[in-house]
Amino acid sequence: METVKLKPKINLGFEEAQELATEEARKHLKEPMTLSWLDRKVDRHFPNVDCCQEDGKDSWDIYAESRGGNVRIEVGEWYVFIFRKSSITQ
């Protein structure tokens, strides 16, 4: 999985970080689709599954990998978003 680390100069909220991550994902994928995310500020993740933890990886991380996630965008120290190319064509 490709990992991109963004270091914003200002403190971002979740929605701003998600927008920034999606913009960056568009540089790597034609139609990025968010598979999972982590918000360390409030200790939340999506999907909210608590199974399948292995090799030091969290369940939301494994979920995205097992569904084709191939671009991981880390926004500062607080947010992580995992994307894959959308299977929906327009």
C-alpha atoms as a PDB file:
ATOM      1  CA  MET A   1       0.000   0.000   0.000  1.00  0.00           C
ATOM      2  CA  GLU A   2       1.280   3.431  -0.911  1.00  0.00           C
ATOM      3  CA  THR A   3       1.450   5.853   2.033  1.00  0.00           C
ATOM      4  CA  VAL A   4       1.384   9.633   1.673  1.00  0.00           C
ATOM      5  CA  LYS A   5       2.049  11.827   4.699  1.00  0.00           C
ATOM      6  CA  LEU A   6       0.640  15.339   4.597  1.00  0.00           C
ATOM      7  CA  LYS A   7       1.812  17.918   7.089  1.00  0.00           C
ATOM      8  CA  PRO A   8      -0.678  20.784   7.142  1.00  0.00           C
ATOM      9  CA  LYS A   9       0.557  24.056   8.597  1.00  0.00           C
ATOM     10  CA  ILE A  10      -2.660  24.597  10.524  1.00  0.00           C
ATOM     11  CA  ASN A  11      -4.675  22.457  12.917  1.00  0.00           C
ATOM     12  CA  LEU A  12      -7.470  20.849  10.889  1.00  0.00           C
ATOM     13  CA  GLY A  13     -10.801  19.425  11.929  1.00  0.00           C
ATOM     14  CA  PHE A  14     -11.943  16.039  10.665  1.00  0.00           C
ATOM     15  CA  GLU A  15     -13.935  17.325   7.671  1.00  0.00           C
ATOM     16  CA  GLU A  16     -11.092  19.586   6.519  1.00  0.00           C
ATOM     17  CA  ALA A  17      -8.616  16.718   6.858  1.00  0.00           C
ATOM     18  CA  GLN A  18     -10.932  14.426   4.907  1.00  0.00           C
ATOM     19  CA  GLU A  19     -11.217  16.977   2.082  1.00  0.00           C
ATOM     20  CA  LEU A  20      -7.440  17.390   1.977  1.00  0.00           C
ATOM     21  CA  ALA A  21      -6.924  13.618   1.950  1.00  0.00           C
ATOM     22  CA  THR A  22      -9.462  13.157  -0.847  1.00  0.00           C
ATOM     23  CA  GLU A  23      -7.758  15.847  -2.936  1.00  0.00           C
ATOM     24  CA  GLU A  24      -4.438  14.066  -2.465  1.00  0.00           C
ATOM     25  CA  ALA A  25      -5.983  10.674  -3.258  1.00  0.00           C
ATOM     26  CA  ARG A  26      -7.185  12.081  -6.608  1.00  0.00           C
ATOM     27  CA  LYS A  27      -3.531  12.534  -7.542  1.00  0.00           C
ATOM     28  CA  HIS A  28      -3.026   8.772  -7.143  1.00  0.00           C
ATOM     29  CA  LEU A  29      -6.417   7.312  -8.118  1.00  0.00           C
ATOM     30  CA  LYS A  30      -8.823   8.357 -10.843  1.00  0.00           C
ATOM     31  CA  GLU A  31     -11.966   7.980  -8.722  1.00  0.00           C
ATOM     32  CA  PRO A  32     -10.932   7.500  -5.082  1.00  0.00           C
ATOM     33  CA  MET A  33     -13.348   5.877  -2.669  1.00  0.00           C
ATOM     34  CA  THR A  34     -12.797   6.096   1.083  1.00  0.00           C
ATOM     35  CA  LEU A  35     -12.758   2.631   2.626  1.00  0.00           C
ATOM     36  CA  SER A  36     -11.792   3.467   6.182  1.00  0.00           C
ATOM     37  CA  TRP A  37     -10.518   6.252   8.396  1.00  0.00           C
ATOM     38  CA  LEU A  38      -9.096   6.975  11.823  1.00  0.00           C
ATOM     39  CA  ASP A  39      -9.613  10.124  13.890  1.00  0.00           C
ATOM     40  CA  ARG A  40      -7.130  10.036  16.757  1.00  0.00           C
ATOM     41  CA  LYS A  41      -8.414  13.299  18.231  1.00  0.00           C
ATOM     42  CA  VAL A  42     -11.644  11.648  19.354  1.00  0.00           C
ATOM     43  CA  ASP A  43     -10.466   8.028  19.217  1.00  0.00           C
ATOM     44  CA  ARG A  44     -12.926   6.975  16.474  1.00  0.00           C
ATOM     45  CA  HIS A  45     -12.559   4.895  13.360  1.00  0.00           C
ATOM     46  CA  PHE A  46     -14.679   3.680  10.488  1.00  0.00           C
ATOM     47  CA  PRO A  47     -15.833   1.076   9.984  1.00  0.00           C
ATOM     48  CA  ASN A  48     -16.526   0.495  13.641  1.00  0.00           C
ATOM     49  CA  VAL A  49     -15.517  -3.160  13.671  1.00  0.00           C
ATOM     50  CA  ASP A  50     -13.571  -4.793  16.472  1.00  0.00           C
ATOM     51  CA  CYS A  51     -12.496  -8.055  14.935  1.00  0.00           C
ATOM     52  CA  CYS A  52      -9.601  -9.287  12.863  1.00  0.00           C
ATOM     53  CA  GLN A  53      -6.773  -7.545  14.724  1.00  0.00           C
ATOM     54  CA  GLU A  54      -3.454  -9.078  13.716  1.00  0.00           C
ATOM     55  CA  ASP A  55       0.201  -8.209  13.296  1.00  0.00           C
ATOM     56  CA  GLY A  56      -0.199  -4.947  15.200  1.00  0.00           C
ATOM     57  CA  LYS A  57      -2.801  -3.650  12.728  1.00  0.00           C
ATOM     58  CA  ASP A  58      -6.176  -2.356  13.786  1.00  0.00           C
ATOM     59  CA  SER A  59      -9.445  -3.781  12.468  1.00  0.00           C
ATOM     60  CA  TRP A  60     -10.315  -0.675  10.380  1.00  0.00           C
ATOM     61  CA  ASP A  61      -6.886  -0.930   8.686  1.00  0.00           C
ATOM     62  CA  ILE A  62      -7.289  -4.640   7.922  1.00  0.00           C
ATOM     63  CA  TYR A  63     -10.826  -3.995   6.654  1.00  0.00           C
ATOM     64  CA  ALA A  64      -9.561  -1.504   4.059  1.00  0.00           C
ATOM     65  CA  GLU A  65      -6.641  -3.676   2.945  1.00  0.00           C
ATOM     66  CA  SER A  66      -8.880  -6.706   2.473  1.00  0.00           C
ATOM     67  CA  ARG A  67     -11.181  -4.635   0.258  1.00  0.00           C
ATOM     68  CA  GLY A  68      -8.512  -3.346  -2.077  1.00  0.00           C
ATOM     69  CA  GLY A  69      -7.313  -0.249  -0.263  1.00  0.00           C
ATOM     70  CA  ASN A  70      -4.072   0.806  -1.873  1.00  0.00           C
ATOM     71  CA  VAL A  71      -3.542   4.467  -0.960  1.00  0.00           C
ATOM     72  CA  ARG A  72      -3.153   5.537   2.674  1.00  0.00           C
ATOM     73  CA  ILE A  73      -3.206   9.272   3.357  1.00  0.00           C
ATOM     74  CA  GLU A  74      -2.016  10.440   6.772  1.00  0.00           C
ATOM     75  CA  VAL A  75      -2.954  14.018   7.592  1.00  0.00           C
ATOM     76  CA  GLY A  76      -0.748  15.304  10.367  1.00  0.00           C
ATOM     77  CA  GLU A  77      -0.599  13.122  13.459  1.00  0.00           C
ATOM     78  CA  TRP A  78      -4.354  12.892  13.933  1.00  0.00           C
ATOM     79  CA  TYR A  79      -6.037  11.488  10.817  1.00  0.00           C
ATOM     80  CA  VAL A  80      -5.613   8.503   8.501  1.00  0.00           C
ATOM     81  CA  PHE A  81      -7.735   7.738   5.417  1.00  0.00           C
ATOM     82  CA  ILE A  82      -7.468   4.665   3.200  1.00  0.00           C
ATOM     83  CA  PHE A  83      -8.708   4.779  -0.382  1.00  0.00           C
ATOM     84  CA  ARG A  84      -9.121   2.562  -3.410  1.00  0.00           C
ATOM     85  CA  LYS A  85     -10.299   3.245  -6.922  1.00  0.00           C
ATOM     86  CA  SER A  86     -14.079   3.376  -7.084  1.00  0.00           C
ATOM     87  CA  SER A  87     -15.735   0.548  -8.971  1.00  0.00           C
ATOM     88  CA  ILE A  88     -18.566   2.870  -9.965  1.00  0.00           C
ATOM     89  CA  THR A  89     -18.268   4.335 -13.446  1.00  0.00           C
ATOM     90  CA  GLN A  90     -19.970   7.539 -14.414  1.00  0.00           C
END
